[in-house]
């Protein structure tokens, strides 16, 4: 079985090292996305789907949260 991976991308289109693996399902919610893994664990993320690569089973998402203010 080949499960998907969720990768987070930033404003500069670079992938973040943070990723969610063994993704069995993704649901859209009012606050973003609910990601469920193989073991039934769910993670809520404030993000939207940017692209889906079915060949490599990767879903790229971008954060909806505003960037932190500069100090």
PDB file of N, CA and C in Angstrom:
ATOM      1  N   UNK A   1       0.841  -1.170   0.000  1.00  0.00           N
ATOM      2  CA  UNK A   1       0.000   0.000   0.000  1.00  0.00           C
ATOM      3  C   UNK A   1       0.891   1.240   0.000  1.00  0.00           C
ATOM      4  N   UNK A   2       0.528   2.183  -0.836  1.00  0.00           N
ATOM      5  CA  UNK A   2       1.305   3.419  -0.928  1.00  0.00           C
ATOM      6  C   UNK A   2       0.445   4.570  -0.424  1.00  0.00           C
ATOM      7  N   UNK A   3       0.801   5.097   0.736  1.00  0.00           N
ATOM      8  CA  UNK A   3       0.046   6.210   1.305  1.00  0.00           C
ATOM      9  C   UNK A   3       0.718   7.523   0.954  1.00  0.00           C
ATOM     10  N   UNK A   4      -0.029   8.592   1.073  1.00  0.00           N
ATOM     11  CA  UNK A   4       0.470   9.913   0.688  1.00  0.00           C
ATOM     12  C   UNK A   4       1.287  10.566   1.791  1.00  0.00           C
ATOM     13  N   UNK A   5       1.969  11.624   1.395  1.00  0.00           N
ATOM     14  CA  UNK A   5       2.736  12.460   2.320  1.00  0.00           C
ATOM     15  C   UNK A   5       2.285  13.896   2.090  1.00  0.00           C
ATOM     16  N   UNK A   6       2.121  14.654   3.187  1.00  0.00           N
ATOM     17  CA  UNK A   6       1.772  16.064   3.085  1.00  0.00           C
ATOM     18  C   UNK A   6       3.031  16.873   3.347  1.00  0.00           C
ATOM     19  N   UNK A   7       3.385  17.740   2.395  1.00  0.00           N
ATOM     20  CA  UNK A   7       4.547  18.616   2.552  1.00  0.00           C
ATOM     21  C   UNK A   7       4.073  20.056   2.584  1.00  0.00           C
ATOM     22  N   UNK A   8       4.680  20.831   3.458  1.00  0.00           N
ATOM     23  CA  UNK A   8       4.340  22.245   3.606  1.00  0.00           C
ATOM     24  C   UNK A   8       5.300  23.081   2.784  1.00  0.00           C
ATOM     25  N   UNK A   9       4.767  24.008   1.989  1.00  0.00           N
ATOM     26  CA  UNK A   9       5.613  24.892   1.199  1.00  0.00           C
ATOM     27  C   UNK A   9       5.402  26.320   1.659  1.00  0.00           C
ATOM     28  N   UNK A  10       6.444  27.126   1.550  1.00  0.00           N
ATOM     29  CA  UNK A  10       6.380  28.515   1.993  1.00  0.00           C
ATOM     30  C   UNK A  10       6.119  29.459   0.852  1.00  0.00           C
ATOM     31  N   UNK A  11       6.236  30.728   1.165  1.00  0.00           N
ATOM     32  CA  UNK A  11       5.992  31.763   0.163  1.00  0.00           C
ATOM     33  C   UNK A  11       6.987  31.716  -0.984  1.00  0.00           C
ATOM     34  N   UNK A  12       8.190  31.195  -0.721  1.00  0.00           N
ATOM     35  CA  UNK A  12       9.213  31.147  -1.757  1.00  0.00           C
ATOM     36  C   UNK A  12       9.176  29.841  -2.539  1.00  0.00           C
ATOM     37  N   UNK A  13       8.055  29.075  -2.397  1.00  0.00           N
ATOM     38  CA  UNK A  13       7.889  27.808  -3.097  1.00  0.00           C
ATOM     39  C   UNK A  13       8.913  26.762  -2.676  1.00  0.00           C
ATOM     40  N   UNK A  14       9.535  26.917  -1.530  1.00  0.00           N
ATOM     41  CA  UNK A  14      10.475  25.919  -1.045  1.00  0.00           C
ATOM     42  C   UNK A  14       9.759  25.027  -0.048  1.00  0.00           C
ATOM     43  N   UNK A  15      10.082  23.734  -0.103  1.00  0.00           N
ATOM     44  CA  UNK A  15       9.438  22.797   0.795  1.00  0.00           C
ATOM     45  C   UNK A  15       9.998  22.932   2.198  1.00  0.00           C
ATOM     46  N   UNK A  16       9.145  22.816   3.167  1.00  0.00           N
ATOM     47  CA  UNK A  16       9.533  22.832   4.568  1.00  0.00           C
ATOM     48  C   UNK A  16      10.003  21.438   4.960  1.00  0.00           C
ATOM     49  N   UNK A  17      10.902  21.353   5.929  1.00  0.00           N
ATOM     50  CA  UNK A  17      11.328  20.025   6.371  1.00  0.00           C
ATOM     51  C   UNK A  17      10.223  19.293   7.127  1.00  0.00           C
ATOM     52  N   UNK A  18       9.209  20.035   7.601  1.00  0.00           N
ATOM     53  CA  UNK A  18       8.089  19.408   8.305  1.00  0.00           C
ATOM     54  C   UNK A  18       7.174  18.733   7.286  1.00  0.00           C
ATOM     55  N   UNK A  19       6.813  17.498   7.567  1.00  0.00           N
ATOM     56  CA  UNK A  19       5.916  16.781   6.680  1.00  0.00           C
ATOM     57  C   UNK A  19       5.094  15.803   7.503  1.00  0.00           C
ATOM     58  N   UNK A  20       3.948  15.443   6.979  1.00  0.00           N
ATOM     59  CA  UNK A  20       3.104  14.432   7.600  1.00  0.00           C
ATOM     60  C   UNK A  20       3.136  13.209   6.696  1.00  0.00           C
ATOM     61  N   UNK A  21       3.465  12.045   7.267  1.00  0.00           N
ATOM     62  CA  UNK A  21       3.588  10.830   6.466  1.00  0.00           C
ATOM     63  C   UNK A  21       2.467   9.845   6.718  1.00  0.00           C
ATOM     64  N   UNK A  22       2.418   8.819   5.887  1.00  0.00           N
ATOM     65  CA  UNK A  22       1.414   7.762   5.964  1.00  0.00           C
ATOM     66  C   UNK A  22       0.001   8.333   6.017  1.00  0.00           C
ATOM     67  N   UNK A  23      -0.267   9.322   5.163  1.00  0.00           N
ATOM     68  CA  UNK A  23      -1.564   9.996   5.146  1.00  0.00           C
ATOM     69  C   UNK A  23      -2.584   9.119   4.425  1.00  0.00           C
ATOM     70  N   UNK A  24      -3.668   8.799   5.134  1.00  0.00           N
ATOM     71  CA  UNK A  24      -4.731   7.976   4.570  1.00  0.00           C
ATOM     72  C   UNK A  24      -5.898   8.814   4.068  1.00  0.00           C
ATOM     73  N   UNK A  25      -6.052  10.048   4.603  1.00  0.00           N
ATOM     74  CA  UNK A  25      -7.161  10.896   4.176  1.00  0.00           C
ATOM     75  C   UNK A  25      -6.952  12.346   4.535  1.00  0.00           C
ATOM     76  N   UNK A  26      -7.567  13.219   3.741  1.00  0.00           N
ATOM     77  CA  UNK A  26      -7.525  14.663   3.987  1.00  0.00           C
ATOM     78  C   UNK A  26      -8.940  15.197   3.801  1.00  0.00           C
ATOM     79  N   UNK A  27      -9.408  15.969   4.770  1.00  0.00           N
ATOM     80  CA  UNK A  27     -10.724  16.596   4.688  1.00  0.00           C
ATOM     81  C   UNK A  27     -10.567  18.101   4.801  1.00  0.00           C
ATOM     82  N   UNK A  28     -11.352  18.834   4.029  1.00  0.00           N
ATOM     83  CA  UNK A  28     -11.389  20.287   4.170  1.00  0.00           C
ATOM     84  C   UNK A  28     -12.290  20.623   5.350  1.00  0.00           C
ATOM     85  N   UNK A  29     -11.839  21.554   6.176  1.00  0.00           N
ATOM     86  CA  UNK A  29     -12.619  22.026   7.316  1.00  0.00           C
ATOM     87  C   UNK A  29     -12.695  23.551   7.219  1.00  0.00           C
ATOM     88  N   UNK A  30     -13.579  24.186   7.997  1.00  0.00           N
ATOM     89  CA  UNK A  30     -13.636  25.650   7.964  1.00  0.00           C
ATOM     90  C   UNK A  30     -12.303  26.303   8.341  1.00  0.00           C
ATOM     91  N   UNK A  31     -11.503  25.641   9.176  1.00  0.00           N
ATOM     92  CA  UNK A  31     -10.236  26.197   9.604  1.00  0.00           C
ATOM     93  C   UNK A  31      -9.046  25.778   8.766  1.00  0.00           C
ATOM     94  N   UNK A  32      -9.245  24.880   7.816  1.00  0.00           N
ATOM     95  CA  UNK A  32      -8.127  24.418   6.992  1.00  0.00           C
ATOM     96  C   UNK A  32      -8.309  22.985   6.550  1.00  0.00           C
ATOM     97  N   UNK A  33      -7.422  22.097   7.054  1.00  0.00           N
ATOM     98  CA  UNK A  33      -7.449  20.700   6.648  1.00  0.00           C
ATOM     99  C   UNK A  33      -7.365  19.792   7.864  1.00  0.00           C
ATOM    100  N   UNK A  34      -8.041  18.662   7.799  1.00  0.00           N
ATOM    101  CA  UNK A  34      -7.910  17.616   8.806  1.00  0.00           C
ATOM    102  C   UNK A  34      -7.221  16.440   8.105  1.00  0.00           C
ATOM    103  N   UNK A  35      -6.021  16.107   8.559  1.00  0.00           N
ATOM    104  CA  UNK A  35      -5.223  15.045   7.958  1.00  0.00           C
ATOM    105  C   UNK A  35      -5.273  13.827   8.872  1.00  0.00           C
ATOM    106  N   UNK A  36      -5.639  12.674   8.314  1.00  0.00           N
ATOM    107  CA  UNK A  36      -5.717  11.429   9.078  1.00  0.00           C
ATOM    108  C   UNK A  36      -4.657  10.471   8.559  1.00  0.00           C
ATOM    109  N   UNK A  37      -3.891   9.885   9.503  1.00  0.00           N
ATOM    110  CA  UNK A  37      -2.843   8.956   9.091  1.00  0.00           C
ATOM    111  C   UNK A  37      -3.330   7.509   9.143  1.00  0.00           C
ATOM    112  N   UNK A  38      -2.452   6.599   8.805  1.00  0.00           N
ATOM    113  CA  UNK A  38      -2.744   5.173   8.731  1.00  0.00           C
ATOM    114  C   UNK A  38      -3.302   4.624  10.040  1.00  0.00           C
ATOM    115  N   UNK A  39      -2.875   5.181  11.171  1.00  0.00           N
ATOM    116  CA  UNK A  39      -3.269   4.680  12.475  1.00  0.00           C
ATOM    117  C   UNK A  39      -4.511   5.376  13.037  1.00  0.00           C
ATOM    118  N   UNK A  40      -5.118   6.277  12.261  1.00  0.00           N
ATOM    119  CA  UNK A  40      -6.318   6.976  12.690  1.00  0.00           C
ATOM    120  C   UNK A  40      -6.063   8.261  13.450  1.00  0.00           C
ATOM    121  N   UNK A  41      -4.797   8.645  13.610  1.00  0.00           N
ATOM    122  CA  UNK A  41      -4.467   9.912  14.261  1.00  0.00           C
ATOM    123  C   UNK A  41      -4.826  11.060  13.326  1.00  0.00           C
ATOM    124  N   UNK A  42      -5.417  12.119  13.887  1.00  0.00           N
ATOM    125  CA  UNK A  42      -5.766  13.273  13.063  1.00  0.00           C
ATOM    126  C   UNK A  42      -4.954  14.492  13.482  1.00  0.00           C
ATOM    127  N   UNK A  43      -4.627  15.289  12.503  1.00  0.00           N
ATOM    128  CA  UNK A  43      -3.907  16.541  12.710  1.00  0.00           C
ATOM    129  C   UNK A  43      -4.669  17.636  11.989  1.00  0.00           C
ATOM    130  N   UNK A  44      -4.966  18.709  12.702  1.00  0.00           N
ATOM    131  CA  UNK A  44      -5.635  19.866  12.102  1.00  0.00           C
ATOM    132  C   UNK A  44      -4.562  20.874  11.710  1.00  0.00           C
ATOM    133  N   UNK A  45      -4.585  21.326  10.473  1.00  0.00           N
ATOM    134  CA  UNK A  45      -3.618  22.323  10.019  1.00  0.00           C
ATOM    135  C   UNK A  45      -4.355  23.479   9.365  1.00  0.00           C
ATOM    136  N   UNK A  46      -3.885  24.702   9.631  1.00  0.00           N
ATOM    137  CA  UNK A  46      -4.436  25.889   8.981  1.00  0.00           C
ATOM    138  C   UNK A  46      -3.695  26.065   7.670  1.00  0.00           C
ATOM    139  N   UNK A  47      -4.157  25.340   6.659  1.00  0.00           N
ATOM    140  CA  UNK A  47      -3.481  25.346   5.367  1.00  0.00           C
ATOM    141  C   UNK A  47      -4.490  25.032   4.277  1.00  0.00           C
ATOM    142  N   UNK A  48      -4.058  25.266   3.042  1.00  0.00           N
ATOM    143  CA  UNK A  48      -4.883  24.897   1.898  1.00  0.00           C
ATOM    144  C   UNK A  48      -4.025  24.122   0.917  1.00  0.00           C
ATOM    145  N   UNK A  49      -4.669  23.230   0.189  1.00  0.00           N
ATOM    146  CA  UNK A  49      -3.948  22.407  -0.772  1.00  0.00           C
ATOM    147  C   UNK A  49      -3.478  23.276  -1.923  1.00  0.00           C
ATOM    148  N   UNK A  50      -2.215  23.153  -2.237  1.00  0.00           N
ATOM    149  CA  UNK A  50      -1.607  23.909  -3.335  1.00  0.00           C
ATOM    150  C   UNK A  50      -1.486  23.048  -4.585  1.00  0.00           C
ATOM    151  N   UNK A  51      -1.059  21.769  -4.406  1.00  0.00           N
ATOM    152  CA  UNK A  51      -0.952  20.853  -5.536  1.00  0.00           C
ATOM    153  C   UNK A  51      -0.941  19.416  -5.033  1.00  0.00           C
ATOM    154  N   UNK A  52      -1.316  18.505  -5.932  1.00  0.00           N
ATOM    155  CA  UNK A  52      -1.311  17.076  -5.625  1.00  0.00           C
ATOM    156  C   UNK A  52      -0.544  16.362  -6.729  1.00  0.00           C
ATOM    157  N   UNK A  53       0.443  15.567  -6.339  1.00  0.00           N
ATOM    158  CA  UNK A  53       1.210  14.765  -7.287  1.00  0.00           C
ATOM    159  C   UNK A  53       0.816  13.307  -7.065  1.00  0.00           C
ATOM    160  N   UNK A  54      -0.022  12.774  -7.936  1.00  0.00           N
ATOM    161  CA  UNK A  54      -0.513  11.408  -7.774  1.00  0.00           C
ATOM    162  C   UNK A  54       0.572  10.364  -8.044  1.00  0.00           C
ATOM    163  N   UNK A  55       1.546  10.680  -8.874  1.00  0.00           N
ATOM    164  CA  UNK A  55       2.612   9.726  -9.181  1.00  0.00           C
ATOM    165  C   UNK A  55       3.495   9.482  -7.964  1.00  0.00           C
ATOM    166  N   UNK A  56       3.873  10.555  -7.255  1.00  0.00           N
ATOM    167  CA  UNK A  56       4.738  10.400  -6.086  1.00  0.00           C
ATOM    168  C   UNK A  56       3.964  10.423  -4.769  1.00  0.00           C
ATOM    169  N   UNK A  57       2.636  10.525  -4.829  1.00  0.00           N
ATOM    170  CA  UNK A  57       1.759  10.533  -3.644  1.00  0.00           C
ATOM    171  C   UNK A  57       2.128  11.638  -2.658  1.00  0.00           C
ATOM    172  N   UNK A  58       2.294  12.856  -3.182  1.00  0.00           N
ATOM    173  CA  UNK A  58       2.640  14.008  -2.349  1.00  0.00           C
ATOM    174  C   UNK A  58       1.580  15.092  -2.530  1.00  0.00           C
ATOM    175  N   UNK A  59       1.102  15.618  -1.397  1.00  0.00           N
ATOM    176  CA  UNK A  59       0.168  16.736  -1.395  1.00  0.00           C
ATOM    177  C   UNK A  59       0.908  17.940  -0.821  1.00  0.00           C
ATOM    178  N   UNK A  60       1.094  18.972  -1.617  1.00  0.00           N
ATOM    179  CA  UNK A  60       1.755  20.190  -1.158  1.00  0.00           C
ATOM    180  C   UNK A  60       0.690  21.144  -0.631  1.00  0.00           C
ATOM    181  N   UNK A  61       0.904  21.641   0.595  1.00  0.00           N
ATOM    182  CA  UNK A  61      -0.032  22.578   1.200  1.00  0.00           C
ATOM    183  C   UNK A  61       0.705  23.846   1.608  1.00  0.00           C
ATOM    184  N   UNK A  62      -0.047  24.949   1.655  1.00  0.00           N
ATOM    185  CA  UNK A  62       0.511  26.241   2.068  1.00  0.00           C
ATOM    186  C   UNK A  62      -0.283  26.739   3.255  1.00  0.00           C
ATOM    187  N   UNK A  63       0.416  27.276   4.224  1.00  0.00           N
ATOM    188  CA  UNK A  63      -0.211  27.755   5.457  1.00  0.00           C
ATOM    189  C   UNK A  63      -1.133  28.919   5.172  1.00  0.00           C
ATOM    190  N   UNK A  64      -2.285  28.941   5.862  1.00  0.00           N
ATOM    191  CA  UNK A  64      -3.212  30.062   5.790  1.00  0.00           C
ATOM    192  C   UNK A  64      -2.866  31.128   6.813  1.00  0.00           C
ATOM    193  N   UNK A  65      -2.097  30.760   7.818  1.00  0.00           N
ATOM    194  CA  UNK A  65      -1.769  31.680   8.909  1.00  0.00           C
ATOM    195  C   UNK A  65      -0.929  32.831   8.375  1.00  0.00           C
ATOM    196  N   UNK A  66      -1.142  34.005   8.955  1.00  0.00           N
ATOM    197  CA  UNK A  66      -0.364  35.173   8.562  1.00  0.00           C
ATOM    198  C   UNK A  66       1.085  34.982   9.018  1.00  0.00           C
ATOM    199  N   UNK A  67       2.052  35.477   8.242  1.00  0.00           N
ATOM    200  CA  UNK A  67       3.436  35.350   8.663  1.00  0.00           C
ATOM    201  C   UNK A  67       3.686  36.138   9.934  1.00  0.00           C
ATOM    202  N   UNK A  68       4.638  35.674  10.766  1.00  0.00           N
ATOM    203  CA  UNK A  68       4.921  36.390  12.003  1.00  0.00           C
ATOM    204  C   UNK A  68       5.436  37.799  11.727  1.00  0.00           C
ATOM    205  N   UNK A  69       5.090  38.734  12.593  1.00  0.00           N
ATOM    206  CA  UNK A  69       5.525  40.126  12.420  1.00  0.00           C
ATOM    207  C   UNK A  69       7.021  40.228  12.640  1.00  0.00           C
ATOM    208  N   UNK A  70       7.666  41.065  11.837  1.00  0.00           N
ATOM    209  CA  UNK A  70       9.114  41.286  11.970  1.00  0.00           C
ATOM    210  C   UNK A  70       9.386  42.071  13.241  1.00  0.00           C
ATOM    211  N   UNK A  71      10.511  41.752  13.880  1.00  0.00           N
ATOM    212  CA  UNK A  71      10.881  42.461  15.103  1.00  0.00           C
ATOM    213  C   UNK A  71      12.043  43.386  14.843  1.00  0.00           C
TER     214      UNK A  71
END
